[in-house]
C-alpha atoms as a PDB file:
ATOM      1  CA  MET A   1     -28.969 -34.577  32.470  1.00  0.00           C
ATOM      2  CA  THR A   2     -29.159 -32.964  29.046  1.00  0.00           C
ATOM      3  CA  ILE A   3     -31.563 -30.474  27.525  1.00  0.00           C
ATOM      4  CA  SER A   4     -32.690 -30.732  23.920  1.00  0.00           C
ATOM      5  CA  GLY A   5     -35.826 -29.369  22.294  1.00  0.00           C
ATOM      6  CA  LYS A   6     -38.176 -29.205  25.207  1.00  0.00           C
ATOM      7  CA  ILE A   7     -36.206 -29.074  28.406  1.00  0.00           C
ATOM      8  CA  ARG A   8     -35.469 -32.531  29.781  1.00  0.00           C
ATOM      9  CA  THR A   9     -35.343 -32.098  33.475  1.00  0.00           C
ATOM     10  CA  GLY A  10     -33.553 -33.942  36.222  1.00  0.00           C
ATOM     11  CA  ALA A  11     -36.577 -33.240  38.368  1.00  0.00           C
ATOM     12  CA  GLY A  12     -36.777 -34.490  41.881  1.00  0.00           C
ATOM     13  CA  THR A  13     -40.138 -36.169  42.400  1.00  0.00           C
ATOM     14  CA  ARG A  14     -40.819 -38.640  39.621  1.00  0.00           C
ATOM     15  CA  ARG A  15     -41.947 -42.132  38.867  1.00  0.00           C
ATOM     16  CA  GLY A  16     -38.656 -43.240  40.268  1.00  0.00           C
ATOM     17  CA  VAL A  17     -37.460 -45.608  42.934  1.00  0.00           C
ATOM     18  CA  THR A  18     -39.331 -45.210  46.178  1.00  0.00           C
ATOM     19  CA  LEU A  19     -37.403 -47.727  48.295  1.00  0.00           C
ATOM     20  CA  SER A  20     -33.748 -47.273  49.092  1.00  0.00           C
ATOM     21  CA  VAL A  21     -31.381 -50.194  48.674  1.00  0.00           C
ATOM     22  CA  ALA A  22     -30.540 -49.907  52.343  1.00  0.00           C
ATOM     23  CA  GLY A  23     -34.205 -50.088  53.227  1.00  0.00           C
ATOM     24  CA  LEU A  24     -34.751 -53.180  51.099  1.00  0.00           C
ATOM     25  CA  VAL A  25     -31.738 -55.019  52.435  1.00  0.00           C
ATOM     26  CA  ALA A  26     -32.544 -54.140  56.019  1.00  0.00           C
ATOM     27  CA  ALA A  27     -36.238 -55.014  56.019  1.00  0.00           C
ATOM     28  CA  PRO A  28     -36.889 -58.521  57.413  1.00  0.00           C
ATOM     29  CA  ALA A  29     -40.143 -60.245  56.614  1.00  0.00           C
ATOM     30  CA  ILE A  30     -40.845 -61.442  60.184  1.00  0.00           C
ATOM     31  CA  VAL A  31     -43.774 -59.555  61.695  1.00  0.00           C
ATOM     32  CA  LEU A  32     -45.132 -58.937  65.160  1.00  0.00           C
ATOM     33  CA  GLY A  33     -48.762 -59.248  66.065  1.00  0.00           C
ATOM     34  CA  THR A  34     -49.857 -55.773  67.131  1.00  0.00           C
ATOM     35  CA  GLY A  35     -53.570 -56.067  67.642  1.00  0.00           C
ATOM     36  CA  THR A  36     -54.891 -55.561  64.117  1.00  0.00           C
ATOM     37  CA  SER A  37     -54.164 -57.347  60.865  1.00  0.00           C
ATOM     38  CA  ALA A  38     -53.144 -54.074  59.207  1.00  0.00           C
ATOM     39  CA  GLN A  39     -50.568 -53.371  61.887  1.00  0.00           C
ATOM     40  CA  ALA A  40     -49.352 -56.963  61.970  1.00  0.00           C
ATOM     41  CA  ALA A  41     -48.697 -56.891  58.248  1.00  0.00           C
ATOM     42  CA  SER A  42     -46.546 -53.800  58.591  1.00  0.00           C
ATOM     43  CA  CYS A  43     -44.414 -54.349  61.690  1.00  0.00           C
ATOM     44  CA  THR A  44     -41.189 -56.325  61.956  1.00  0.00           C
ATOM     45  CA  ALA A  45     -39.993 -58.321  64.955  1.00  0.00           C
ATOM     46  CA  ALA A  46     -36.365 -57.857  63.953  1.00  0.00           C
ATOM     47  CA  LYS A  47     -33.948 -55.675  65.894  1.00  0.00           C
ATOM     48  CA  GLY A  48     -32.314 -53.042  63.708  1.00  0.00           C
ATOM     49  CA  PRO A  49     -28.625 -52.075  63.669  1.00  0.00           C
ATOM     50  CA  TYR A  50     -29.539 -48.666  65.132  1.00  0.00           C
ATOM     51  CA  GLN A  51     -32.048 -49.974  67.659  1.00  0.00           C
ATOM     52  CA  ILE A  52     -30.686 -48.202  70.738  1.00  0.00           C
ATOM     53  CA  GLN A  53     -30.072 -44.910  68.921  1.00  0.00           C
ATOM     54  CA  VAL A  54     -33.596 -44.872  67.491  1.00  0.00           C
ATOM     55  CA  GLU A  55     -35.121 -45.862  70.818  1.00  0.00           C
ATOM     56  CA  ARG A  56     -33.323 -42.986  72.535  1.00  0.00           C
ATOM     57  CA  ASN A  57     -34.408 -40.527  69.867  1.00  0.00           C
ATOM     58  CA  LEU A  58     -38.039 -41.566  70.319  1.00  0.00           C
ATOM     59  CA  LYS A  59     -37.683 -41.567  74.115  1.00  0.00           C
ATOM     60  CA  LEU A  60     -38.377 -45.297  74.322  1.00  0.00           C
ATOM     61  CA  PRO A  61     -36.734 -47.666  76.828  1.00  0.00           C
ATOM     62  CA  ALA A  62     -33.246 -47.936  75.332  1.00  0.00           C
ATOM     63  CA  ASP A  63     -32.634 -51.641  75.829  1.00  0.00           C
ATOM     64  CA  GLY A  64     -31.595 -52.448  72.268  1.00  0.00           C
ATOM     65  CA  ARG A  65     -34.352 -55.056  71.896  1.00  0.00           C
ATOM     66  CA  GLN A  66     -37.277 -54.798  69.523  1.00  0.00           C
ATOM     67  CA  SER A  67     -40.700 -54.965  71.145  1.00  0.00           C
ATOM     68  CA  THR A  68     -44.201 -54.470  69.830  1.00  0.00           C
ATOM     69  CA  ALA A  69     -44.282 -51.000  71.398  1.00  0.00           C
ATOM     70  CA  ASP A  70     -40.893 -50.147  69.848  1.00  0.00           C
ATOM     71  CA  CYS A  71     -42.001 -51.302  66.431  1.00  0.00           C
ATOM     72  CA  ASN A  72     -45.240 -49.334  66.572  1.00  0.00           C
ATOM     73  CA  ALA A  73     -43.434 -46.149  67.661  1.00  0.00           C
ATOM     74  CA  ILE A  74     -40.727 -46.503  65.011  1.00  0.00           C
ATOM     75  CA  ARG A  75     -43.279 -47.270  62.340  1.00  0.00           C
ATOM     76  CA  SER A  76     -45.357 -44.217  63.301  1.00  0.00           C
ATOM     77  CA  TYR A  77     -42.244 -42.070  62.947  1.00  0.00           C
ATOM     78  CA  GLN A  78     -41.478 -43.590  59.551  1.00  0.00           C
ATOM     79  CA  VAL A  79     -45.018 -42.982  58.306  1.00  0.00           C
ATOM     80  CA  ALA A  80     -44.904 -39.365  59.534  1.00  0.00           C
ATOM     81  CA  LYS A  81     -41.594 -38.707  57.757  1.00  0.00           C
ATOM     82  CA  GLY A  82     -42.387 -40.616  54.567  1.00  0.00           C
ATOM     83  CA  ILE A  83     -39.669 -43.197  55.195  1.00  0.00           C
ATOM     84  CA  THR A  84     -40.118 -46.448  53.278  1.00  0.00           C
ATOM     85  CA  PRO A  85     -40.551 -49.277  53.982  1.00  0.00           C
ATOM     86  CA  ALA A  86     -42.492 -48.245  57.091  1.00  0.00           C
ATOM     87  CA  ILE A  87     -42.268 -51.506  59.044  1.00  0.00           C
ATOM     88  CA  GLY A  88     -40.805 -50.286  62.333  1.00  0.00           C
ATOM     89  CA  TYR A  89     -37.248 -51.380  61.586  1.00  0.00           C
ATOM     90  CA  ALA A  90     -34.450 -49.301  63.148  1.00  0.00           C
ATOM     91  CA  GLY A  91     -32.295 -49.288  60.039  1.00  0.00           C
ATOM     92  CA  PRO A  92     -29.819 -46.851  58.500  1.00  0.00           C
ATOM     93  CA  VAL A  93     -32.403 -44.755  56.647  1.00  0.00           C
ATOM     94  CA  THR A  94     -34.431 -44.072  59.797  1.00  0.00           C
ATOM     95  CA  TRP A  95     -31.390 -43.252  61.911  1.00  0.00           C
ATOM     96  CA  ARG A  96     -29.912 -41.072  59.162  1.00  0.00           C
ATOM     97  CA  THR A  97     -33.183 -39.145  58.935  1.00  0.00           C
ATOM     98  CA  MET A  98     -33.181 -38.555  62.685  1.00  0.00           C
ATOM     99  CA  LYS A  99     -29.631 -37.177  62.547  1.00  0.00           C
ATOM    100  CA  THR A 100     -30.466 -34.951  59.577  1.00  0.00           C
ATOM    101  CA  ILE A 101     -33.499 -33.492  61.349  1.00  0.00           C
ATOM    102  CA  ALA A 102     -31.378 -32.837  64.450  1.00  0.00           C
ATOM    103  CA  ALA A 103     -28.813 -30.979  62.305  1.00  0.00           C
ATOM    104  CA  GLN A 104     -31.595 -28.939  60.691  1.00  0.00           C
ATOM    105  CA  LYS A 105     -32.962 -27.920  64.066  1.00  0.00           C
ATOM    106  CA  ALA A 106     -29.473 -26.995  65.266  1.00  0.00           C
ATOM    107  CA  ALA A 107     -29.042 -24.654  62.282  1.00  0.00           C
ATOM    108  CA  GLY A 108     -31.734 -22.378  63.692  1.00  0.00           C
ATOM    109  CA  LYS A 109     -31.624 -18.962  62.071  1.00  0.00           C
ATOM    110  CA  THR A 110     -27.874 -19.089  61.446  1.00  0.00           C
ATOM    111  CA  PRO A 111     -27.544 -21.732  58.713  1.00  0.00           C
ATOM    112  CA  ASN A 112     -24.435 -20.050  57.298  1.00  0.00           C
ATOM    113  CA  ALA A 113     -22.562 -19.822  60.599  1.00  0.00           C
ATOM    114  CA  ALA A 114     -19.652 -21.749  59.045  1.00  0.00           C
ATOM    115  CA  LYS A 115     -19.693 -19.300  56.087  1.00  0.00           C
ATOM    116  CA  LYS A 116     -19.664 -22.080  53.513  1.00  0.00           C
ATOM    117  CA  CYS A 117     -22.119 -20.224  51.280  1.00  0.00           C
ATOM    118  CA  PRO A 118     -20.637 -17.071  49.663  1.00  0.00           C
ATOM    119  CA  THR A 119     -21.549 -13.746  51.256  1.00  0.00           C
ATOM    120  CA  ASN A 120     -20.105 -11.519  48.519  1.00  0.00           C
ATOM    121  CA  LYS A 121     -22.611 -12.168  45.744  1.00  0.00           C
ATOM    122  CA  GLY A 122     -25.709 -10.247  46.817  1.00  0.00           C
ATOM    123  CA  ARG A 123     -28.853 -12.379  46.661  1.00  0.00           C
ATOM    124  CA  ILE A 124     -28.027 -16.057  46.615  1.00  0.00           C
ATOM    125  CA  ALA A 125     -29.875 -19.310  47.246  1.00  0.00           C
ATOM    126  CA  CYS A 126     -27.728 -21.645  49.334  1.00  0.00           C
ATOM    127  CA  VAL A 127     -28.213 -25.429  49.326  1.00  0.00           C
ATOM    128  CA  ASP A 128     -26.468 -27.513  51.985  1.00  0.00           C
ATOM    129  CA  LEU A 129     -26.716 -31.139  50.872  1.00  0.00           C
ATOM    130  CA  THR A 130     -25.266 -32.475  54.121  1.00  0.00           C
ATOM    131  CA  ARG A 131     -28.021 -30.986  56.263  1.00  0.00           C
ATOM    132  CA  GLN A 132     -30.626 -31.064  53.467  1.00  0.00           C
ATOM    133  CA  LEU A 133     -31.325 -27.370  53.973  1.00  0.00           C
ATOM    134  CA  THR A 134     -31.758 -24.361  51.734  1.00  0.00           C
ATOM    135  CA  TRP A 135     -32.055 -20.653  52.439  1.00  0.00           C
ATOM    136  CA  ILE A 136     -31.768 -17.290  50.681  1.00  0.00           C
ATOM    137  CA  GLN A 137     -29.424 -14.567  51.815  1.00  0.00           C
ATOM    138  CA  ASP A 138     -28.468 -11.067  50.641  1.00  0.00           C
ATOM    139  CA  GLY A 139     -24.776 -10.861  51.378  1.00  0.00           C
ATOM    140  CA  SER A 140     -24.601 -12.192  54.914  1.00  0.00           C
ATOM    141  CA  LYS A 141     -28.203 -11.246  55.789  1.00  0.00           C
ATOM    142  CA  LEU A 142     -30.693 -14.104  55.956  1.00  0.00           C
ATOM    143  CA  LYS A 143     -33.762 -13.334  53.826  1.00  0.00           C
ATOM    144  CA  PHE A 144     -35.644 -16.637  53.912  1.00  0.00           C
ATOM    145  CA  GLY A 145     -35.326 -20.024  55.595  1.00  0.00           C
ATOM    146  CA  PRO A 146     -33.629 -22.238  56.276  1.00  0.00           C
ATOM    147  CA  VAL A 147     -36.124 -24.852  55.114  1.00  0.00           C
ATOM    148  CA  PRO A 148     -35.717 -28.607  54.540  1.00  0.00           C
ATOM    149  CA  VAL A 149     -35.241 -29.972  51.043  1.00  0.00           C
ATOM    150  CA  ARG A 150     -35.081 -33.346  49.305  1.00  0.00           C
ATOM    151  CA  THR A 151     -32.112 -33.584  46.946  1.00  0.00           C
ATOM    152  CA  GLY A 152     -30.700 -36.136  44.507  1.00  0.00           C
ATOM    153  CA  ARG A 153     -30.500 -39.790  45.457  1.00  0.00           C
ATOM    154  CA  ASN A 154     -27.391 -41.941  45.177  1.00  0.00           C
ATOM    155  CA  GLY A 155     -26.397 -42.077  41.521  1.00  0.00           C
ATOM    156  CA  ALA A 156     -28.439 -38.966  40.648  1.00  0.00           C
ATOM    157  CA  GLU A 157     -26.897 -36.485  43.064  1.00  0.00           C
ATOM    158  CA  THR A 158     -27.642 -32.773  42.969  1.00  0.00           C
ATOM    159  CA  ARG A 159     -24.477 -31.281  41.523  1.00  0.00           C
ATOM    160  CA  THR A 160     -22.374 -28.993  43.697  1.00  0.00           C
ATOM    161  CA  GLY A 161     -20.835 -25.635  42.841  1.00  0.00           C
ATOM    162  CA  SER A 162     -21.753 -22.083  41.860  1.00  0.00           C
ATOM    163  CA  ARG A 163     -24.677 -21.728  39.467  1.00  0.00           C
ATOM    164  CA  LYS A 164     -27.301 -19.172  38.441  1.00  0.00           C
ATOM    165  CA  VAL A 165     -31.051 -19.372  37.943  1.00  0.00           C
ATOM    166  CA  TYR A 166     -31.423 -19.382  34.171  1.00  0.00           C
ATOM    167  CA  TRP A 167     -35.015 -20.409  33.475  1.00  0.00           C
ATOM    168  CA  ARG A 168     -38.255 -20.248  35.466  1.00  0.00           C
ATOM    169  CA  SER A 169     -41.520 -22.043  34.727  1.00  0.00           C
ATOM    170  CA  ILE A 170     -44.291 -21.645  37.279  1.00  0.00           C
ATOM    171  CA  ASN A 171     -46.417 -24.559  36.014  1.00  0.00           C
ATOM    172  CA  HIS A 172     -43.664 -26.638  34.474  1.00  0.00           C
ATOM    173  CA  TRP A 173     -44.380 -30.063  33.009  1.00  0.00           C
ATOM    174  CA  SER A 174     -41.480 -32.514  32.800  1.00  0.00           C
ATOM    175  CA  THR A 175     -41.456 -34.231  29.417  1.00  0.00           C
ATOM    176  CA  LEU A 176     -38.851 -36.653  30.749  1.00  0.00           C
ATOM    177  CA  TYR A 177     -40.777 -37.867  33.806  1.00  0.00           C
ATOM    178  CA  ASP A 178     -44.308 -36.897  32.744  1.00  0.00           C
ATOM    179  CA  VAL A 179     -45.036 -35.047  35.985  1.00  0.00           C
ATOM    180  CA  ARG A 180     -45.771 -31.500  37.099  1.00  0.00           C
ATOM    181  CA  MET A 181     -42.974 -29.427  38.636  1.00  0.00           C
ATOM    182  CA  PRO A 182     -44.674 -26.334  40.135  1.00  0.00           C
ATOM    183  CA  TYR A 183     -42.560 -23.230  40.725  1.00  0.00           C
ATOM    184  CA  ALA A 184     -39.635 -24.720  38.786  1.00  0.00           C
ATOM    185  CA  GLN A 185     -36.478 -22.602  38.756  1.00  0.00           C
ATOM    186  CA  PHE A 186     -33.658 -24.234  36.800  1.00  0.00           C
ATOM    187  CA  PHE A 187     -30.080 -23.529  37.812  1.00  0.00           C
ATOM    188  CA  ASP A 188     -27.956 -26.418  36.478  1.00  0.00           C
ATOM    189  CA  GLY A 189     -28.904 -28.315  33.349  1.00  0.00           C
ATOM    190  CA  GLY A 190     -32.116 -30.110  34.202  1.00  0.00           C
ATOM    191  CA  GLN A 191     -31.759 -29.539  37.948  1.00  0.00           C
ATOM    192  CA  ALA A 192     -34.157 -27.088  39.538  1.00  0.00           C
ATOM    193  CA  PHE A 193     -35.852 -25.934  42.693  1.00  0.00           C
ATOM    194  CA  HIS A 194     -39.482 -27.016  42.545  1.00  0.00           C
ATOM    195  CA  SER A 195     -42.465 -28.007  44.630  1.00  0.00           C
ATOM    196  CA  VAL A 196     -43.456 -31.587  45.465  1.00  0.00           C
ATOM    197  CA  THR A 197     -46.096 -33.092  47.701  1.00  0.00           C
ATOM    198  CA  LYS A 198     -43.790 -35.806  49.088  1.00  0.00           C
ATOM    199  CA  SER A 199     -42.219 -35.584  52.512  1.00  0.00           C
ATOM    200  CA  MET A 200     -38.788 -33.983  52.452  1.00  0.00           C
ATOM    201  CA  TYR A 201     -37.491 -37.128  54.173  1.00  0.00           C
ATOM    202  CA  ASN A 202     -38.935 -39.616  51.694  1.00  0.00           C
ATOM    203  CA  ASN A 203     -36.107 -41.910  50.658  1.00  0.00           C
ATOM    204  CA  PRO A 204     -34.085 -42.388  48.542  1.00  0.00           C
ATOM    205  CA  GLY A 205     -34.362 -38.811  47.240  1.00  0.00           C
ATOM    206  CA  SER A 206     -34.979 -36.926  44.008  1.00  0.00           C
ATOM    207  CA  ALA A 207     -33.567 -37.548  40.542  1.00  0.00           C
ATOM    208  CA  GLY A 208     -31.312 -34.521  40.981  1.00  0.00           C
ATOM    209  CA  CYS A 209     -33.602 -31.576  41.612  1.00  0.00           C
ATOM    210  CA  VAL A 210     -33.990 -29.708  44.888  1.00  0.00           C
ATOM    211  CA  ASN A 211     -37.472 -30.690  46.014  1.00  0.00           C
ATOM    212  CA  MET A 212     -39.285 -28.248  48.276  1.00  0.00           C
ATOM    213  CA  ARG A 213     -42.543 -28.063  50.170  1.00  0.00           C
ATOM    214  CA  PRO A 214     -45.180 -26.134  48.185  1.00  0.00           C
ATOM    215  CA  ALA A 215     -45.181 -23.006  50.380  1.00  0.00           C
ATOM    216  CA  ASP A 216     -41.372 -22.874  50.420  1.00  0.00           C
ATOM    217  CA  ALA A 217     -41.121 -23.316  46.656  1.00  0.00           C
ATOM    218  CA  LYS A 218     -43.631 -20.495  46.191  1.00  0.00           C
ATOM    219  CA  SER A 219     -41.564 -18.234  48.457  1.00  0.00           C
ATOM    220  CA  TYR A 220     -38.466 -19.040  46.400  1.00  0.00           C
ATOM    221  CA  TRP A 221     -40.397 -18.188  43.253  1.00  0.00           C
ATOM    222  CA  ASN A 222     -41.281 -14.778  44.688  1.00  0.00           C
ATOM    223  CA  LEU A 223     -37.775 -14.059  45.975  1.00  0.00           C
ATOM    224  CA  LEU A 224     -35.569 -15.230  43.096  1.00  0.00           C
ATOM    225  CA  LYS A 225     -35.265 -14.179  39.471  1.00  0.00           C
ATOM    226  CA  ASN A 226     -33.238 -15.166  36.439  1.00  0.00           C
ATOM    227  CA  GLY A 227     -29.570 -14.430  37.001  1.00  0.00           C
ATOM    228  CA  ASP A 228     -29.650 -14.876  40.783  1.00  0.00           C
ATOM    229  CA  ASP A 229     -26.864 -16.978  42.225  1.00  0.00           C
ATOM    230  CA  VAL A 230     -27.232 -20.513  43.569  1.00  0.00           C
ATOM    231  CA  PHE A 231     -24.527 -22.270  45.565  1.00  0.00           C
ATOM    232  CA  VAL A 232     -24.716 -25.997  46.302  1.00  0.00           C
ATOM    233  CA  TYR A 233     -22.272 -27.664  48.658  1.00  0.00           C
ATOM    234  CA  GLY A 234     -21.826 -30.656  50.924  1.00  0.00           C
ATOM    235  CA  ARG A 235     -22.873 -34.251  50.414  1.00  0.00           C
ATOM    236  CA  LYS A 236     -26.265 -35.794  51.007  1.00  0.00           C
ATOM    237  CA  PRO A 237     -26.154 -38.494  53.696  1.00  0.00           C
ATOM    238  CA  GLY A 238     -26.386 -41.909  52.076  1.00  0.00           C
ATOM    239  CA  THR A 239     -24.807 -40.900  48.751  1.00  0.00           C
END
């Protein structure tokens, strides 16, 4: 992304693609009758490539066969996590989301246990693309988080490396995407931390920014300032 005149942001939540390629390819049109026309129009009869894994994660009978009950449970999970298309298909996006959430839970209050984020820079915002997590630490002391984030989709990845917060705009308006970016804190060209109202697991991801839940973005606004370090590492699943 480039900046000229008004800042042109690579902001995360935009009028961009809302369905991943994987989701489109994997979503059969066959539907199951589930009791109501609304449900029937949104539930697939097809078995997904991750059927057993998803069934186990949702504590369903792990028989590897799609049933009406399976589809309804998978679809409910997809709706709750903002996964599209929400048709109850056990595809790669749903299974990848389940694994990411498991990794986030495992991080607990020691997200930097592997010491991949620098501990010799004072206050620093760490972004782990692999686990889709961010947190703030002072040296090795955890100050905030970790909290889930939504980073750049395939082809518009959040760039890795050491950066610094260089511009903050609490009620930022993106002239590139014509959307609000509350609590925007830019650290790499047009890429910034900022608030969105989407689920952090809504595929395929942002246009490069680090999307955050409103309360988390506000906390980052209160904890960071211009000149503070940002370190981005890892690789977002699916990119």
